[in-house]
Amino acid sequence: MAVVVTQIAFIVLAAATVASVIIAVWTYRRSAQAQVSAAQAQLQLSALGILQHYLDLAVERTDLASPGDERPADARYAWFAAHALNTAQTLQRLVGEHPDWQRAINAIIRRHRPYLTSGAFVCDDFTPGFVEYLRERVPELRCADDR
């Protein structure tokens, strides 16, 4: 009888151990999923803050934000355009795989197309991947380094 009780206790202990492991794995997975969701939300918030900063600057400096096709690339506009394209590059790296963000990135690029084709754009100030992204959207892109 003592042997039977010992065996039953062993089975109950083993079942409790297996149940504890299953609950621990389930809890770990839920926690990991929550952390991934929180990280993705933080990326979205960071991207939104970056875009908002650019838009604030564009509203503040409408003379630079809406250059027109004929605007020469003077130092003030070159600074603004570089800032805008740096914003686009940062957004592309953070959230560029999302179609909604791609539209915002491409809108920034379109706005400064004349600058990108003027030969004043310094490609070396940007990552090669982003310059390639620009070349796909603006095939006539001319880098200052190409002169």
N, C-alpha and C. Protein backbone atom coordinates (compact mmCIF):
# COMPACT_ATOMS: atom_id res chain seq x y z
N MET A 1 0.81 -1.18 0.00
CA MET A 1 0.00 0.00 0.00
C MET A 1 0.87 1.26 0.00
N ALA A 2 1.95 1.27 0.76
CA ALA A 2 2.85 2.42 0.80
C ALA A 2 3.50 2.65 -0.56
N VAL A 3 3.75 1.54 -1.28
CA VAL A 3 4.34 1.66 -2.60
C VAL A 3 3.34 2.32 -3.55
N VAL A 4 2.08 1.97 -3.47
CA VAL A 4 1.04 2.53 -4.33
C VAL A 4 0.90 4.03 -4.03
N VAL A 5 0.88 4.41 -2.77
CA VAL A 5 0.77 5.82 -2.39
C VAL A 5 1.98 6.60 -2.90
N THR A 6 3.16 6.01 -2.81
CA THR A 6 4.38 6.64 -3.29
C THR A 6 4.31 6.84 -4.81
N GLN A 7 3.82 5.83 -5.52
CA GLN A 7 3.71 5.94 -6.97
C GLN A 7 2.69 7.00 -7.37
N ILE A 8 1.57 7.05 -6.65
CA ILE A 8 0.56 8.05 -6.94
C ILE A 8 1.12 9.45 -6.67
N ALA A 9 1.84 9.60 -5.56
CA ALA A 9 2.44 10.89 -5.23
C ALA A 9 3.45 11.29 -6.30
N PHE A 10 4.21 10.33 -6.80
CA PHE A 10 5.19 10.61 -7.84
C PHE A 10 4.48 11.07 -9.12
N ILE A 11 3.38 10.40 -9.49
CA ILE A 11 2.63 10.76 -10.70
C ILE A 11 2.02 12.15 -10.55
N VAL A 12 1.46 12.44 -9.36
CA VAL A 12 0.88 13.75 -9.13
C VAL A 12 1.96 14.83 -9.20
N LEU A 13 3.12 14.56 -8.61
CA LEU A 13 4.22 15.51 -8.64
C LEU A 13 4.70 15.73 -10.07
N ALA A 14 4.81 14.67 -10.85
CA ALA A 14 5.24 14.79 -12.25
C ALA A 14 4.21 15.59 -13.05
N ALA A 15 2.92 15.32 -12.84
CA ALA A 15 1.87 16.06 -13.55
C ALA A 15 1.90 17.53 -13.17
N ALA A 16 2.13 17.82 -11.89
CA ALA A 16 2.20 19.21 -11.45
C ALA A 16 3.41 19.91 -12.07
N THR A 17 4.51 19.20 -12.20
CA THR A 17 5.71 19.77 -12.82
C THR A 17 5.45 20.07 -14.29
N VAL A 18 4.83 19.14 -15.01
CA VAL A 18 4.52 19.34 -16.42
C VAL A 18 3.55 20.52 -16.58
N ALA A 19 2.53 20.59 -15.72
CA ALA A 19 1.58 21.69 -15.78
C ALA A 19 2.27 23.03 -15.51
N SER A 20 3.20 23.03 -14.55
CA SER A 20 3.93 24.26 -14.24
C SER A 20 4.77 24.70 -15.43
N VAL A 21 5.42 23.77 -16.11
CA VAL A 21 6.24 24.11 -17.28
C VAL A 21 5.35 24.65 -18.40
N ILE A 22 4.21 24.03 -18.63
CA ILE A 22 3.29 24.50 -19.68
C ILE A 22 2.81 25.91 -19.37
N ILE A 23 2.44 26.17 -18.13
CA ILE A 23 1.98 27.50 -17.73
C ILE A 23 3.11 28.52 -17.86
N ALA A 24 4.32 28.12 -17.49
CA ALA A 24 5.46 29.03 -17.60
C ALA A 24 5.75 29.39 -19.06
N VAL A 25 5.69 28.41 -19.95
CA VAL A 25 5.93 28.65 -21.37
C VAL A 25 4.83 29.56 -21.93
N TRP A 26 3.59 29.29 -21.59
CA TRP A 26 2.47 30.11 -22.05
C TRP A 26 2.62 31.55 -21.56
N THR A 27 2.97 31.72 -20.29
CA THR A 27 3.16 33.05 -19.73
C THR A 27 4.32 33.77 -20.41
N TYR A 28 5.41 33.07 -20.65
CA TYR A 28 6.57 33.66 -21.33
C TYR A 28 6.19 34.12 -22.73
N ARG A 29 5.45 33.30 -23.46
CA ARG A 29 5.05 33.66 -24.83
C ARG A 29 4.14 34.87 -24.82
N ARG A 30 3.21 34.91 -23.89
CA ARG A 30 2.32 36.08 -23.80
C ARG A 30 3.10 37.34 -23.47
N SER A 31 4.05 37.21 -22.58
CA SER A 31 4.88 38.36 -22.20
C SER A 31 5.73 38.82 -23.39
N ALA A 32 6.29 37.88 -24.12
CA ALA A 32 7.11 38.22 -25.29
C ALA A 32 6.26 38.91 -26.35
N GLN A 33 5.05 38.41 -26.58
CA GLN A 33 4.16 39.04 -27.56
C GLN A 33 3.78 40.45 -27.13
N ALA A 34 3.55 40.63 -25.85
CA ALA A 34 3.21 41.97 -25.34
C ALA A 34 4.40 42.92 -25.52
N GLN A 35 5.60 42.43 -25.30
CA GLN A 35 6.79 43.26 -25.48
C GLN A 35 6.99 43.63 -26.95
N VAL A 36 6.76 42.70 -27.84
CA VAL A 36 6.87 42.98 -29.28
C VAL A 36 5.82 44.02 -29.68
N SER A 37 4.61 43.87 -29.20
CA SER A 37 3.56 44.84 -29.52
C SER A 37 3.90 46.22 -28.97
N ALA A 38 4.44 46.26 -27.76
CA ALA A 38 4.83 47.54 -27.17
C ALA A 38 5.98 48.18 -27.96
N ALA A 39 6.93 47.37 -28.41
CA ALA A 39 8.04 47.90 -29.20
C ALA A 39 7.55 48.44 -30.54
N GLN A 40 6.62 47.75 -31.17
CA GLN A 40 6.07 48.22 -32.44
C GLN A 40 5.30 49.53 -32.25
N ALA A 41 4.55 49.61 -31.15
CA ALA A 41 3.83 50.85 -30.86
C ALA A 41 4.81 52.00 -30.61
N GLN A 42 5.90 51.71 -29.93
CA GLN A 42 6.91 52.74 -29.67
C GLN A 42 7.57 53.21 -30.97
N LEU A 43 7.81 52.28 -31.89
CA LEU A 43 8.35 52.66 -33.21
C LEU A 43 7.40 53.59 -33.93
N GLN A 44 6.12 53.25 -33.92
CA GLN A 44 5.12 54.09 -34.57
C GLN A 44 5.09 55.49 -33.95
N LEU A 45 5.14 55.54 -32.61
CA LEU A 45 5.12 56.83 -31.92
C LEU A 45 6.38 57.64 -32.24
N SER A 46 7.52 56.97 -32.29
CA SER A 46 8.77 57.67 -32.63
C SER A 46 8.70 58.23 -34.04
N ALA A 47 8.21 57.42 -34.96
CA ALA A 47 8.08 57.87 -36.35
C ALA A 47 7.11 59.04 -36.45
N LEU A 48 6.02 58.97 -35.73
CA LEU A 48 5.06 60.05 -35.75
C LEU A 48 5.67 61.34 -35.20
N GLY A 49 6.45 61.23 -34.13
CA GLY A 49 7.12 62.40 -33.57
C GLY A 49 8.12 63.01 -34.55
N ILE A 50 8.85 62.17 -35.25
CA ILE A 50 9.83 62.64 -36.24
C ILE A 50 9.12 63.37 -37.39
N LEU A 51 8.05 62.76 -37.88
CA LEU A 51 7.28 63.39 -38.96
C LEU A 51 6.65 64.70 -38.48
N GLN A 52 6.14 64.71 -37.26
CA GLN A 52 5.52 65.92 -36.73
C GLN A 52 6.53 67.06 -36.61
N HIS A 53 7.75 66.73 -36.20
CA HIS A 53 8.80 67.75 -36.11
C HIS A 53 9.09 68.34 -37.49
N TYR A 54 9.19 67.50 -38.49
CA TYR A 54 9.41 67.97 -39.86
C TYR A 54 8.25 68.85 -40.33
N LEU A 55 7.03 68.40 -40.07
CA LEU A 55 5.86 69.18 -40.50
C LEU A 55 5.78 70.53 -39.77
N ASP A 56 6.14 70.54 -38.50
CA ASP A 56 6.17 71.81 -37.76
C ASP A 56 7.16 72.78 -38.41
N LEU A 57 8.32 72.25 -38.75
CA LEU A 57 9.34 73.08 -39.40
C LEU A 57 8.86 73.55 -40.78
N ALA A 58 8.17 72.68 -41.50
CA ALA A 58 7.66 73.03 -42.83
C ALA A 58 6.60 74.13 -42.73
N VAL A 59 5.76 74.07 -41.71
CA VAL A 59 4.75 75.11 -41.53
C VAL A 59 5.42 76.41 -41.13
N GLU A 60 6.43 76.31 -40.28
CA GLU A 60 7.16 77.51 -39.83
C GLU A 60 7.91 78.17 -40.98
N ARG A 61 8.43 77.36 -41.88
CA ARG A 61 9.26 77.87 -42.99
C ARG A 61 8.63 77.50 -44.32
N THR A 62 7.45 78.00 -44.58
CA THR A 62 6.76 77.68 -45.84
C THR A 62 7.55 78.11 -47.06
N ASP A 63 8.36 79.15 -46.92
CA ASP A 63 9.17 79.60 -48.05
C ASP A 63 10.17 78.53 -48.48
N LEU A 64 10.60 77.72 -47.53
CA LEU A 64 11.55 76.64 -47.84
C LEU A 64 10.84 75.32 -48.13
N ALA A 65 9.68 75.13 -47.52
CA ALA A 65 8.96 73.87 -47.67
C ALA A 65 8.31 73.71 -49.03
N SER A 66 7.97 74.81 -49.67
CA SER A 66 7.33 74.77 -50.99
C SER A 66 8.23 75.48 -52.00
N PRO A 67 9.30 74.81 -52.40
CA PRO A 67 10.32 75.49 -53.19
C PRO A 67 9.93 75.81 -54.62
N GLY A 68 9.06 75.05 -55.22
CA GLY A 68 8.77 75.25 -56.64
C GLY A 68 9.90 74.67 -57.49
N ASP A 69 9.64 74.49 -58.76
CA ASP A 69 10.62 73.86 -59.65
C ASP A 69 11.81 74.75 -59.98
N GLU A 70 11.63 76.04 -59.85
CA GLU A 70 12.68 76.97 -60.28
C GLU A 70 13.57 77.48 -59.15
N ARG A 71 13.32 77.05 -57.91
CA ARG A 71 14.07 77.59 -56.79
C ARG A 71 15.53 77.14 -56.86
N PRO A 72 16.46 78.07 -56.77
CA PRO A 72 17.87 77.67 -56.73
C PRO A 72 18.18 77.01 -55.39
N ALA A 73 19.14 76.13 -55.39
CA ALA A 73 19.51 75.41 -54.17
C ALA A 73 20.49 76.26 -53.36
N ASP A 74 19.97 77.36 -52.77
CA ASP A 74 20.83 78.18 -51.91
C ASP A 74 21.06 77.44 -50.59
N ALA A 75 21.91 78.00 -49.76
CA ALA A 75 22.31 77.31 -48.52
C ALA A 75 21.13 77.05 -47.60
N ARG A 76 20.20 78.01 -47.48
CA ARG A 76 19.05 77.82 -46.60
C ARG A 76 18.15 76.71 -47.10
N TYR A 77 17.87 76.72 -48.39
CA TYR A 77 17.01 75.66 -48.93
C TYR A 77 17.73 74.31 -48.89
N ALA A 78 19.01 74.29 -49.17
CA ALA A 78 19.76 73.03 -49.13
C ALA A 78 19.71 72.43 -47.72
N TRP A 79 19.81 73.29 -46.70
CA TRP A 79 19.71 72.80 -45.32
C TRP A 79 18.33 72.20 -45.08
N PHE A 80 17.29 72.92 -45.48
CA PHE A 80 15.93 72.44 -45.26
C PHE A 80 15.68 71.13 -46.01
N ALA A 81 16.09 71.06 -47.26
CA ALA A 81 15.89 69.84 -48.07
C ALA A 81 16.66 68.67 -47.46
N ALA A 82 17.89 68.92 -46.99
CA ALA A 82 18.66 67.85 -46.34
C ALA A 82 17.95 67.38 -45.08
N HIS A 83 17.38 68.32 -44.32
CA HIS A 83 16.62 67.96 -43.12
C HIS A 83 15.40 67.11 -43.50
N ALA A 84 14.69 67.54 -44.54
CA ALA A 84 13.51 66.80 -45.00
C ALA A 84 13.90 65.38 -45.43
N LEU A 85 14.97 65.27 -46.18
CA LEU A 85 15.39 63.95 -46.67
C LEU A 85 15.96 63.10 -45.56
N ASN A 86 16.57 63.72 -44.56
CA ASN A 86 17.01 62.98 -43.38
C ASN A 86 15.79 62.43 -42.64
N THR A 87 14.73 63.22 -42.57
CA THR A 87 13.47 62.75 -41.98
C THR A 87 12.95 61.55 -42.76
N ALA A 88 12.95 61.67 -44.09
CA ALA A 88 12.46 60.57 -44.94
C ALA A 88 13.31 59.31 -44.74
N GLN A 89 14.63 59.49 -44.65
CA GLN A 89 15.52 58.34 -44.43
C GLN A 89 15.23 57.68 -43.08
N THR A 90 15.07 58.48 -42.05
CA THR A 90 14.79 57.93 -40.71
C THR A 90 13.47 57.19 -40.71
N LEU A 91 12.45 57.77 -41.31
CA LEU A 91 11.15 57.09 -41.39
C LEU A 91 11.25 55.81 -42.19
N GLN A 92 12.02 55.86 -43.27
CA GLN A 92 12.15 54.66 -44.10
C GLN A 92 12.81 53.53 -43.32
N ARG A 93 13.78 53.86 -42.49
CA ARG A 93 14.46 52.83 -41.70
C ARG A 93 13.59 52.33 -40.56
N LEU A 94 12.80 53.21 -39.95
CA LEU A 94 11.98 52.81 -38.80
C LEU A 94 10.71 52.07 -39.22
N VAL A 95 9.97 52.64 -40.16
CA VAL A 95 8.64 52.12 -40.48
C VAL A 95 8.37 52.03 -41.98
N GLY A 96 9.42 52.00 -42.77
CA GLY A 96 9.28 52.03 -44.23
C GLY A 96 8.56 50.86 -44.84
N GLU A 97 8.39 49.77 -44.10
CA GLU A 97 7.71 48.61 -44.67
C GLU A 97 6.19 48.76 -44.65
N HIS A 98 5.68 49.76 -43.94
CA HIS A 98 4.24 50.00 -43.87
C HIS A 98 3.80 50.91 -45.02
N PRO A 99 2.80 50.51 -45.79
CA PRO A 99 2.35 51.31 -46.93
C PRO A 99 1.96 52.74 -46.57
N ASP A 100 1.30 52.95 -45.43
CA ASP A 100 0.91 54.31 -45.05
C ASP A 100 2.14 55.18 -44.84
N TRP A 101 3.17 54.62 -44.24
CA TRP A 101 4.39 55.39 -44.02
C TRP A 101 5.15 55.60 -45.32
N GLN A 102 5.08 54.63 -46.23
CA GLN A 102 5.75 54.79 -47.53
C GLN A 102 5.17 55.98 -48.27
N ARG A 103 3.86 56.19 -48.15
CA ARG A 103 3.24 57.35 -48.82
C ARG A 103 3.78 58.65 -48.25
N ALA A 104 3.94 58.72 -46.93
CA ALA A 104 4.49 59.93 -46.31
C ALA A 104 5.94 60.15 -46.73
N ILE A 105 6.71 59.09 -46.76
CA ILE A 105 8.12 59.18 -47.17
C ILE A 105 8.22 59.65 -48.62
N ASN A 106 7.42 59.04 -49.47
CA ASN A 106 7.45 59.41 -50.89
C ASN A 106 6.96 60.83 -51.13
N ALA A 107 6.04 61.31 -50.31
CA ALA A 107 5.58 62.69 -50.43
C ALA A 107 6.71 63.67 -50.11
N ILE A 108 7.50 63.36 -49.10
CA ILE A 108 8.65 64.21 -48.77
C ILE A 108 9.64 64.22 -49.94
N ILE A 109 9.90 63.06 -50.48
CA ILE A 109 10.84 62.95 -51.60
C ILE A 109 10.33 63.73 -52.81
N ARG A 110 9.04 63.57 -53.14
CA ARG A 110 8.46 64.30 -54.29
C ARG A 110 8.58 65.81 -54.12
N ARG A 111 8.36 66.27 -52.91
CA ARG A 111 8.40 67.71 -52.63
C ARG A 111 9.78 68.29 -52.96
N HIS A 112 10.82 67.49 -52.83
CA HIS A 112 12.19 67.99 -53.03
C HIS A 112 12.87 67.38 -54.26
N ARG A 113 12.06 66.93 -55.19
CA ARG A 113 12.59 66.36 -56.44
C ARG A 113 13.52 67.33 -57.17
N PRO A 114 13.17 68.61 -57.31
CA PRO A 114 14.09 69.53 -58.00
C PRO A 114 15.46 69.59 -57.32
N TYR A 115 15.48 69.57 -56.02
CA TYR A 115 16.75 69.58 -55.29
C TYR A 115 17.54 68.30 -55.58
N LEU A 116 16.85 67.18 -55.60
CA LEU A 116 17.51 65.90 -55.84
C LEU A 116 18.09 65.81 -57.25
N THR A 117 17.52 66.53 -58.18
CA THR A 117 18.01 66.48 -59.56
C THR A 117 18.95 67.64 -59.90
N SER A 118 19.16 68.54 -58.95
CA SER A 118 19.97 69.74 -59.21
C SER A 118 21.47 69.50 -59.15
N GLY A 119 21.89 68.41 -58.54
CA GLY A 119 23.32 68.16 -58.36
C GLY A 119 23.85 68.72 -57.06
N ALA A 120 22.98 69.30 -56.24
CA ALA A 120 23.40 69.85 -54.94
C ALA A 120 23.25 68.83 -53.81
N PHE A 121 22.53 67.75 -54.06
CA PHE A 121 22.29 66.73 -53.04
C PHE A 121 23.57 65.95 -52.76
N VAL A 122 23.96 65.88 -51.49
CA VAL A 122 25.19 65.18 -51.10
C VAL A 122 24.82 63.74 -50.71
N CYS A 123 24.99 62.84 -51.64
CA CYS A 123 24.63 61.44 -51.43
C CYS A 123 25.40 60.80 -50.27
N ASP A 124 26.65 61.20 -50.10
CA ASP A 124 27.47 60.60 -49.04
C ASP A 124 26.97 60.91 -47.64
N ASP A 125 26.08 61.87 -47.50
CA ASP A 125 25.51 62.19 -46.19
C ASP A 125 24.39 61.23 -45.80
N PHE A 126 24.02 60.33 -46.70
CA PHE A 126 22.92 59.41 -46.48
C PHE A 126 23.41 57.97 -46.67
N THR A 127 22.64 57.03 -46.14
CA THR A 127 23.03 55.63 -46.26
C THR A 127 22.90 55.18 -47.72
N PRO A 128 23.75 54.26 -48.15
CA PRO A 128 23.65 53.76 -49.52
C PRO A 128 22.26 53.18 -49.83
N GLY A 129 21.66 52.52 -48.85
CA GLY A 129 20.33 51.96 -49.06
C GLY A 129 19.28 53.02 -49.32
N PHE A 130 19.38 54.14 -48.62
CA PHE A 130 18.42 55.21 -48.84
C PHE A 130 18.68 55.90 -50.18
N VAL A 131 19.93 56.07 -50.54
CA VAL A 131 20.24 56.68 -51.85
C VAL A 131 19.68 55.79 -52.96
N GLU A 132 19.78 54.49 -52.81
CA GLU A 132 19.20 53.57 -53.79
C GLU A 132 17.68 53.72 -53.82
N TYR A 133 17.06 53.83 -52.65
CA TYR A 133 15.62 54.07 -52.55
C TYR A 133 15.24 55.35 -53.31
N LEU A 134 16.05 56.40 -53.13
CA LEU A 134 15.82 57.66 -53.85
C LEU A 134 15.95 57.46 -55.36
N ARG A 135 16.98 56.73 -55.78
CA ARG A 135 17.21 56.51 -57.21
C ARG A 135 16.04 55.76 -57.86
N GLU A 136 15.40 54.87 -57.09
CA GLU A 136 14.23 54.15 -57.62
C GLU A 136 13.06 55.11 -57.85
N ARG A 137 12.95 56.14 -57.02
CA ARG A 137 11.85 57.07 -57.12
C ARG A 137 12.17 58.30 -57.97
N VAL A 138 13.45 58.64 -58.03
CA VAL A 138 13.90 59.79 -58.81
C VAL A 138 15.08 59.32 -59.67
N PRO A 139 14.80 58.68 -60.79
CA PRO A 139 15.88 58.11 -61.61
C PRO A 139 16.92 59.14 -62.06
N GLU A 140 16.51 60.39 -62.19
CA GLU A 140 17.46 61.42 -62.64
C GLU A 140 18.21 62.08 -61.47
N LEU A 141 18.22 61.42 -60.32
CA LEU A 141 18.96 61.92 -59.15
C LEU A 141 20.41 62.20 -59.50
N ARG A 142 20.89 63.40 -59.10
CA ARG A 142 22.29 63.76 -59.32
C ARG A 142 22.91 64.11 -57.98
N CYS A 143 23.99 63.44 -57.66
CA CYS A 143 24.70 63.68 -56.40
C CYS A 143 25.73 64.80 -56.60
N ALA A 144 25.96 65.55 -55.55
CA ALA A 144 26.99 66.60 -55.58
C ALA A 144 28.36 65.97 -55.85
N ASP A 145 28.53 64.75 -55.42
CA ASP A 145 29.80 64.05 -55.59
C ASP A 145 30.05 63.64 -57.04
N ASP A 146 28.99 63.64 -57.86
CA ASP A 146 29.10 63.21 -59.26
C ASP A 146 29.66 64.30 -60.18
N ARG A 147 29.78 65.50 -59.67
CA ARG A 147 30.22 66.63 -60.50
C ARG A 147 31.62 66.44 -61.00
